[in-house]
Amino acid sequence: MKKARFLAVCLGIFAVLLIAWRLTRGAQWYTAGMLAFAGIVGPMVHGWVLETNPHGEGVPAWVHGDDRVQLSIQFDALAVGLVPLLALLAATPGLRARRRATLMIVGGLLNFGVDTLIVSLFPLLVFYKNAFTDVVGTFLGLIAFVGAPVIIWFGLTFRELQQLLPSLRARVETR
């Protein structure tokens, strides 16, 4: 598959998935699930409790005794990271339908897990603010918003991408 064709297919699928994401309110469902799981994982990791609708404010907050850390995360932006991952998996050449569907489910779950972990670690990164937590928080934000979809895609499709390399290598050598 030519790079231009892959890019066009990926962007076309991305556009369709993004429209579907908006129409189905996928971000709200994804965020609700992420907060529910973070509310289970977080207290086991650090002892803080997640209030998803504290005092009717509508902004989720981690609470530990009298301490309170509001989740200042753009959940719509975090949740939409799933869309490029699914578009990349849908456009990847060499995948049979069953494997593509399996990888899309596994990839979605892995992306969800990364996002849930970041939301779960939020009070540790914000309440205990220092140079280390600043670096780790920035790194995790970069991973969540940018890196995770591509890293997950590459990891899941490495076998198929490797099979494409000999044909790419042959084209380069003939030039």
C-alpha atoms as a PDB file:
ATOM      1  CA  MET A   1       0.000   0.000   0.000  1.00  0.00           C
ATOM      2  CA  LYS A   2       1.366   3.377  -0.878  1.00  0.00           C
ATOM      3  CA  LYS A   3       1.906   5.898   1.889  1.00  0.00           C
ATOM      4  CA  ALA A   4      -0.439   8.431   0.279  1.00  0.00           C
ATOM      5  CA  ARG A   5      -3.198   5.823  -0.002  1.00  0.00           C
ATOM      6  CA  PHE A   6      -2.731   4.729   3.623  1.00  0.00           C
ATOM      7  CA  LEU A   7      -2.871   8.363   4.757  1.00  0.00           C
ATOM      8  CA  ALA A   8      -6.004   9.066   2.702  1.00  0.00           C
ATOM      9  CA  VAL A   9      -7.756   5.932   3.978  1.00  0.00           C
ATOM     10  CA  CYS A  10      -6.737   6.662   7.572  1.00  0.00           C
ATOM     11  CA  LEU A  11      -7.913  10.295   7.399  1.00  0.00           C
ATOM     12  CA  GLY A  12     -11.186   9.279   5.738  1.00  0.00           C
ATOM     13  CA  ILE A  13     -11.904   6.681   8.414  1.00  0.00           C
ATOM     14  CA  PHE A  14     -10.835   9.175  11.080  1.00  0.00           C
ATOM     15  CA  ALA A  15     -13.379  11.708   9.775  1.00  0.00           C
ATOM     16  CA  VAL A  16     -16.194   9.142   9.735  1.00  0.00           C
ATOM     17  CA  LEU A  17     -15.305   7.888  13.228  1.00  0.00           C
ATOM     18  CA  LEU A  18     -15.064  11.436  14.571  1.00  0.00           C
ATOM     19  CA  ILE A  19     -18.546  12.250  13.269  1.00  0.00           C
ATOM     20  CA  ALA A  20     -19.886   9.009  14.774  1.00  0.00           C
ATOM     21  CA  TRP A  21     -18.053   9.816  18.030  1.00  0.00           C
ATOM     22  CA  ARG A  22     -19.854  13.167  18.239  1.00  0.00           C
ATOM     23  CA  LEU A  23     -23.284  11.877  17.207  1.00  0.00           C
ATOM     24  CA  THR A  24     -23.236   8.940  19.629  1.00  0.00           C
ATOM     25  CA  ARG A  25     -21.823  11.047  22.483  1.00  0.00           C
ATOM     26  CA  GLY A  26     -18.935   8.591  22.697  1.00  0.00           C
ATOM     27  CA  ALA A  27     -16.834  10.987  24.775  1.00  0.00           C
ATOM     28  CA  GLN A  28     -19.465  11.147  27.522  1.00  0.00           C
ATOM     29  CA  TRP A  29     -19.759   7.350  27.655  1.00  0.00           C
ATOM     30  CA  TYR A  30     -15.986   6.913  27.587  1.00  0.00           C
ATOM     31  CA  THR A  31     -15.503   9.535  30.321  1.00  0.00           C
ATOM     32  CA  ALA A  32     -18.210   8.025  32.521  1.00  0.00           C
ATOM     33  CA  GLY A  33     -16.579   4.597  32.245  1.00  0.00           C
ATOM     34  CA  MET A  34     -13.119   6.021  32.840  1.00  0.00           C
ATOM     35  CA  LEU A  35     -14.259   7.854  35.975  1.00  0.00           C
ATOM     36  CA  ALA A  36     -16.045   4.753  37.242  1.00  0.00           C
ATOM     37  CA  PHE A  37     -12.923   2.598  36.863  1.00  0.00           C
ATOM     38  CA  ALA A  38     -10.603   5.339  38.176  1.00  0.00           C
ATOM     39  CA  GLY A  39     -12.890   5.544  41.211  1.00  0.00           C
ATOM     40  CA  ILE A  40     -12.147   1.877  41.876  1.00  0.00           C
ATOM     41  CA  VAL A  41      -8.425   1.857  40.990  1.00  0.00           C
ATOM     42  CA  GLY A  42      -7.455   5.184  42.596  1.00  0.00           C
ATOM     43  CA  PRO A  43      -8.355   4.370  46.214  1.00  0.00           C
ATOM     44  CA  MET A  44      -6.449   1.077  45.946  1.00  0.00           C
ATOM     45  CA  VAL A  45      -3.360   2.941  44.695  1.00  0.00           C
ATOM     46  CA  HIS A  46      -3.308   6.030  46.898  1.00  0.00           C
ATOM     47  CA  GLY A  47      -6.315   6.077  49.263  1.00  0.00           C
ATOM     48  CA  TRP A  48      -8.026   9.133  47.784  1.00  0.00           C
ATOM     49  CA  VAL A  49     -11.745   8.815  46.938  1.00  0.00           C
ATOM     50  CA  LEU A  50     -13.175  10.082  43.656  1.00  0.00           C
ATOM     51  CA  GLU A  51     -16.325  12.181  43.871  1.00  0.00           C
ATOM     52  CA  THR A  52     -17.807  12.411  40.399  1.00  0.00           C
ATOM     53  CA  ASN A  53     -20.395  15.068  41.227  1.00  0.00           C
ATOM     54  CA  PRO A  54     -19.107  16.854  44.333  1.00  0.00           C
ATOM     55  CA  HIS A  55     -21.529  19.354  45.841  1.00  0.00           C
ATOM     56  CA  GLY A  56     -23.447  19.567  42.566  1.00  0.00           C
ATOM     57  CA  GLU A  57     -20.471  21.321  40.898  1.00  0.00           C
ATOM     58  CA  GLY A  58     -20.222  18.757  38.146  1.00  0.00           C
ATOM     59  CA  VAL A  59     -16.390  18.770  38.287  1.00  0.00           C
ATOM     60  CA  PRO A  60     -15.001  15.458  39.556  1.00  0.00           C
ATOM     61  CA  ALA A  61     -12.606  15.716  42.492  1.00  0.00           C
ATOM     62  CA  TRP A  62     -10.316  13.421  44.427  1.00  0.00           C
ATOM     63  CA  VAL A  63     -10.881  13.720  48.189  1.00  0.00           C
ATOM     64  CA  HIS A  64      -8.682  12.618  51.086  1.00  0.00           C
ATOM     65  CA  GLY A  65      -9.853  13.847  54.484  1.00  0.00           C
ATOM     66  CA  ASP A  66     -10.103  17.635  54.208  1.00  0.00           C
ATOM     67  CA  ASP A  67      -7.924  17.734  51.086  1.00  0.00           C
ATOM     68  CA  ARG A  68      -9.603  18.064  47.704  1.00  0.00           C
ATOM     69  CA  VAL A  69      -8.087  17.997  44.205  1.00  0.00           C
ATOM     70  CA  GLN A  70     -10.404  18.860  41.328  1.00  0.00           C
ATOM     71  CA  LEU A  71      -9.785  16.969  38.112  1.00  0.00           C
ATOM     72  CA  SER A  72      -8.720  19.747  35.770  1.00  0.00           C
ATOM     73  CA  ILE A  73      -8.585  17.429  32.777  1.00  0.00           C
ATOM     74  CA  GLN A  74     -10.252  18.054  29.432  1.00  0.00           C
ATOM     75  CA  PHE A  75     -12.122  14.773  29.328  1.00  0.00           C
ATOM     76  CA  ASP A  76     -13.439  15.268  25.783  1.00  0.00           C
ATOM     77  CA  ALA A  77      -9.879  15.747  24.518  1.00  0.00           C
ATOM     78  CA  LEU A  78      -8.604  12.767  26.489  1.00  0.00           C
ATOM     79  CA  ALA A  79     -11.434  10.515  25.320  1.00  0.00           C
ATOM     80  CA  VAL A  80     -11.104  11.419  21.644  1.00  0.00           C
ATOM     81  CA  GLY A  81      -7.635   9.808  21.608  1.00  0.00           C
ATOM     82  CA  LEU A  82      -9.465   6.575  20.939  1.00  0.00           C
ATOM     83  CA  VAL A  83     -10.594   7.819  17.504  1.00  0.00           C
ATOM     84  CA  PRO A  84      -7.157   8.064  15.813  1.00  0.00           C
ATOM     85  CA  LEU A  85      -6.199   4.687  17.272  1.00  0.00           C
ATOM     86  CA  LEU A  86      -9.267   3.049  15.748  1.00  0.00           C
ATOM     87  CA  ALA A  87      -8.660   4.861  12.440  1.00  0.00           C
ATOM     88  CA  LEU A  88      -5.055   3.636  12.310  1.00  0.00           C
ATOM     89  CA  LEU A  89      -6.142   0.070  13.051  1.00  0.00           C
ATOM     90  CA  ALA A  90      -8.937   0.237  10.467  1.00  0.00           C
ATOM     91  CA  ALA A  91      -6.567   1.549   7.773  1.00  0.00           C
ATOM     92  CA  THR A  92      -3.645  -0.811   8.458  1.00  0.00           C
ATOM     93  CA  PRO A  93      -3.031  -3.020   5.418  1.00  0.00           C
ATOM     94  CA  GLY A  94      -2.673  -6.772   5.742  1.00  0.00           C
ATOM     95  CA  LEU A  95      -5.193  -7.310   8.536  1.00  0.00           C
ATOM     96  CA  ARG A  96      -7.982  -9.836   8.077  1.00  0.00           C
ATOM     97  CA  ALA A  97     -11.435  -8.752   9.268  1.00  0.00           C
ATOM     98  CA  ARG A  98     -11.458 -10.891  12.441  1.00  0.00           C
ATOM     99  CA  ARG A  99      -7.938  -9.794  13.474  1.00  0.00           C
ATOM    100  CA  ARG A 100      -8.771  -6.158  12.707  1.00  0.00           C
ATOM    101  CA  ALA A 101     -11.896  -6.334  14.901  1.00  0.00           C
ATOM    102  CA  THR A 102      -9.955  -8.070  17.683  1.00  0.00           C
ATOM    103  CA  LEU A 103      -7.162  -5.497  17.549  1.00  0.00           C
ATOM    104  CA  MET A 104      -9.670  -2.640  17.607  1.00  0.00           C
ATOM    105  CA  ILE A 105     -11.251  -4.056  20.769  1.00  0.00           C
ATOM    106  CA  VAL A 106      -7.895  -4.790  22.425  1.00  0.00           C
ATOM    107  CA  GLY A 107      -6.514  -1.407  21.356  1.00  0.00           C
ATOM    108  CA  GLY A 108      -9.575   0.386  22.692  1.00  0.00           C
ATOM    109  CA  LEU A 109      -9.234  -1.403  26.022  1.00  0.00           C
ATOM    110  CA  LEU A 110      -5.515  -0.610  26.246  1.00  0.00           C
ATOM    111  CA  ASN A 111      -6.152   3.058  25.456  1.00  0.00           C
ATOM    112  CA  PHE A 112      -8.927   3.106  28.048  1.00  0.00           C
ATOM    113  CA  GLY A 113      -6.534   1.557  30.575  1.00  0.00           C
ATOM    114  CA  VAL A 114      -3.862   4.200  29.944  1.00  0.00           C
ATOM    115  CA  ASP A 115      -6.413   7.006  30.316  1.00  0.00           C
ATOM    116  CA  THR A 116      -7.880   5.452  33.468  1.00  0.00           C
ATOM    117  CA  LEU A 117      -4.417   5.088  34.995  1.00  0.00           C
ATOM    118  CA  ILE A 118      -3.647   8.753  34.337  1.00  0.00           C
ATOM    119  CA  VAL A 119      -6.929   9.886  35.912  1.00  0.00           C
ATOM    120  CA  SER A 120      -6.246   7.551  38.848  1.00  0.00           C
ATOM    121  CA  LEU A 121      -2.769   9.000  39.439  1.00  0.00           C
ATOM    122  CA  PHE A 122      -3.972  12.612  39.179  1.00  0.00           C
ATOM    123  CA  PRO A 123      -4.049  13.443  42.919  1.00  0.00           C
ATOM    124  CA  LEU A 124      -0.517  12.122  43.408  1.00  0.00           C
ATOM    125  CA  LEU A 125       0.739  14.345  40.597  1.00  0.00           C
ATOM    126  CA  VAL A 126      -1.117  17.492  41.615  1.00  0.00           C
ATOM    127  CA  PHE A 127      -1.407  17.435  45.416  1.00  0.00           C
ATOM    128  CA  TYR A 128       2.199  16.419  46.043  1.00  0.00           C
ATOM    129  CA  LYS A 129       3.609  18.983  43.625  1.00  0.00           C
ATOM    130  CA  ASN A 130       7.365  18.977  43.066  1.00  0.00           C
ATOM    131  CA  ALA A 131       9.810  18.785  40.141  1.00  0.00           C
ATOM    132  CA  PHE A 132       9.435  14.998  39.856  1.00  0.00           C
ATOM    133  CA  THR A 133       5.625  15.060  39.726  1.00  0.00           C
ATOM    134  CA  ASP A 134       5.756  17.944  37.222  1.00  0.00           C
ATOM    135  CA  VAL A 135       7.944  15.900  34.873  1.00  0.00           C
ATOM    136  CA  VAL A 136       5.927  12.707  35.337  1.00  0.00           C
ATOM    137  CA  GLY A 137       2.630  14.580  34.918  1.00  0.00           C
ATOM    138  CA  THR A 138       3.817  16.274  31.731  1.00  0.00           C
ATOM    139  CA  PHE A 139       5.091  12.962  30.359  1.00  0.00           C
ATOM    140  CA  LEU A 140       1.828  11.169  31.165  1.00  0.00           C
ATOM    141  CA  GLY A 141      -0.164  13.997  29.567  1.00  0.00           C
ATOM    142  CA  LEU A 142       1.907  13.687  26.408  1.00  0.00           C
ATOM    143  CA  ILE A 143       1.455   9.932  26.404  1.00  0.00           C
ATOM    144  CA  ALA A 144      -2.307  10.161  26.952  1.00  0.00           C
ATOM    145  CA  PHE A 145      -3.035  12.852  24.401  1.00  0.00           C
ATOM    146  CA  VAL A 146      -0.473  11.993  21.719  1.00  0.00           C
ATOM    147  CA  GLY A 147       1.615   8.896  22.281  1.00  0.00           C
ATOM    148  CA  ALA A 148      -0.732   6.177  23.470  1.00  0.00           C
ATOM    149  CA  PRO A 149      -2.803   5.796  20.285  1.00  0.00           C
ATOM    150  CA  VAL A 150       0.287   5.531  18.057  1.00  0.00           C
ATOM    151  CA  ILE A 151       2.280   3.358  20.463  1.00  0.00           C
ATOM    152  CA  ILE A 152      -0.652   0.967  20.926  1.00  0.00           C
ATOM    153  CA  TRP A 153      -1.266   0.830  17.151  1.00  0.00           C
ATOM    154  CA  PHE A 154       2.401   0.131  16.437  1.00  0.00           C
ATOM    155  CA  GLY A 155       2.606  -2.531  19.141  1.00  0.00           C
ATOM    156  CA  LEU A 156      -0.534  -4.326  18.019  1.00  0.00           C
ATOM    157  CA  THR A 157       0.244  -4.256  14.295  1.00  0.00           C
ATOM    158  CA  PHE A 158       4.010  -4.791  14.454  1.00  0.00           C
ATOM    159  CA  ARG A 159       3.732  -8.223  12.826  1.00  0.00           C
ATOM    160  CA  GLU A 160       1.814  -6.849   9.841  1.00  0.00           C
ATOM    161  CA  LEU A 161       4.035  -3.792   9.567  1.00  0.00           C
ATOM    162  CA  GLN A 162       7.117  -6.041   9.535  1.00  0.00           C
ATOM    163  CA  GLN A 163       5.651  -7.973   6.629  1.00  0.00           C
ATOM    164  CA  LEU A 164       5.356  -4.716   4.702  1.00  0.00           C
ATOM    165  CA  LEU A 165       9.020  -3.852   5.268  1.00  0.00           C
ATOM    166  CA  PRO A 166      10.564  -6.323   2.776  1.00  0.00           C
ATOM    167  CA  SER A 167       8.517  -4.830  -0.050  1.00  0.00           C
ATOM    168  CA  LEU A 168       9.457  -1.327   1.084  1.00  0.00           C
ATOM    169  CA  ARG A 169      13.119  -2.301   1.377  1.00  0.00           C
ATOM    170  CA  ALA A 170      13.055  -3.803  -2.142  1.00  0.00           C
ATOM    171  CA  ARG A 171      11.646  -0.555  -3.567  1.00  0.00           C
ATOM    172  CA  VAL A 172      14.364   1.502  -1.892  1.00  0.00           C
ATOM    173  CA  GLU A 173      17.128  -0.800  -3.148  1.00  0.00           C
ATOM    174  CA  THR A 174      15.908  -0.612  -6.768  1.00  0.00           C
ATOM    175  CA  ARG A 175      16.043   3.180  -6.825  1.00  0.00           C
END
